């Protein structure tokens, strides 16, 4: 995995959620509400909050990603900054990098399967002009390296289904 991150700048771990939460089901219709957070292109993404807890859920997902990143990068004192993104009819993200100061990785955990057209994550390889199109699948974890080299350019194609993703960054605490 570390070689993939160094060379191409990203890795996809299929069915990752099932490895830490075998019976996890994301049922947004019963327990979640959405509020507008930020404009993307000419559409919106929204943060989904747990109505009962009033905070983003799944801290164990954060901890799982932190464990992976800690092992790969041989780093301690890591923390995650996450949000749940909701993409609805026509929402997309233009090509960009996630080269925020202090980020070690950016990551996405897919909370539901693709049910219609669009919503793919398109990643341009770090050392080539080759683009890879990742088709969302429930439980997959995508990690984008921000430490070993230049950031990958990536985007999300216009989405025509209810696409839920837990997205975030792993950083190291200041000492």
Foldseek 3Di string as FASTA:
>chain_A
DLVCCQFFFKDKDPLQQCVVVVPDADDCVPFWDWDFDDDADNHTKTFIAGPVVRHDDDVVVQVVVVVVLCVSVVDDQKGKDKTKIKAAAFDKHDWDFPQDPQFQKKKKAWNAAADDDWFWKWWQTPVDRDIDTHHDHHRMMMIGGNPNDHGITIMTTTGHHTTIMIIITMGHDDD
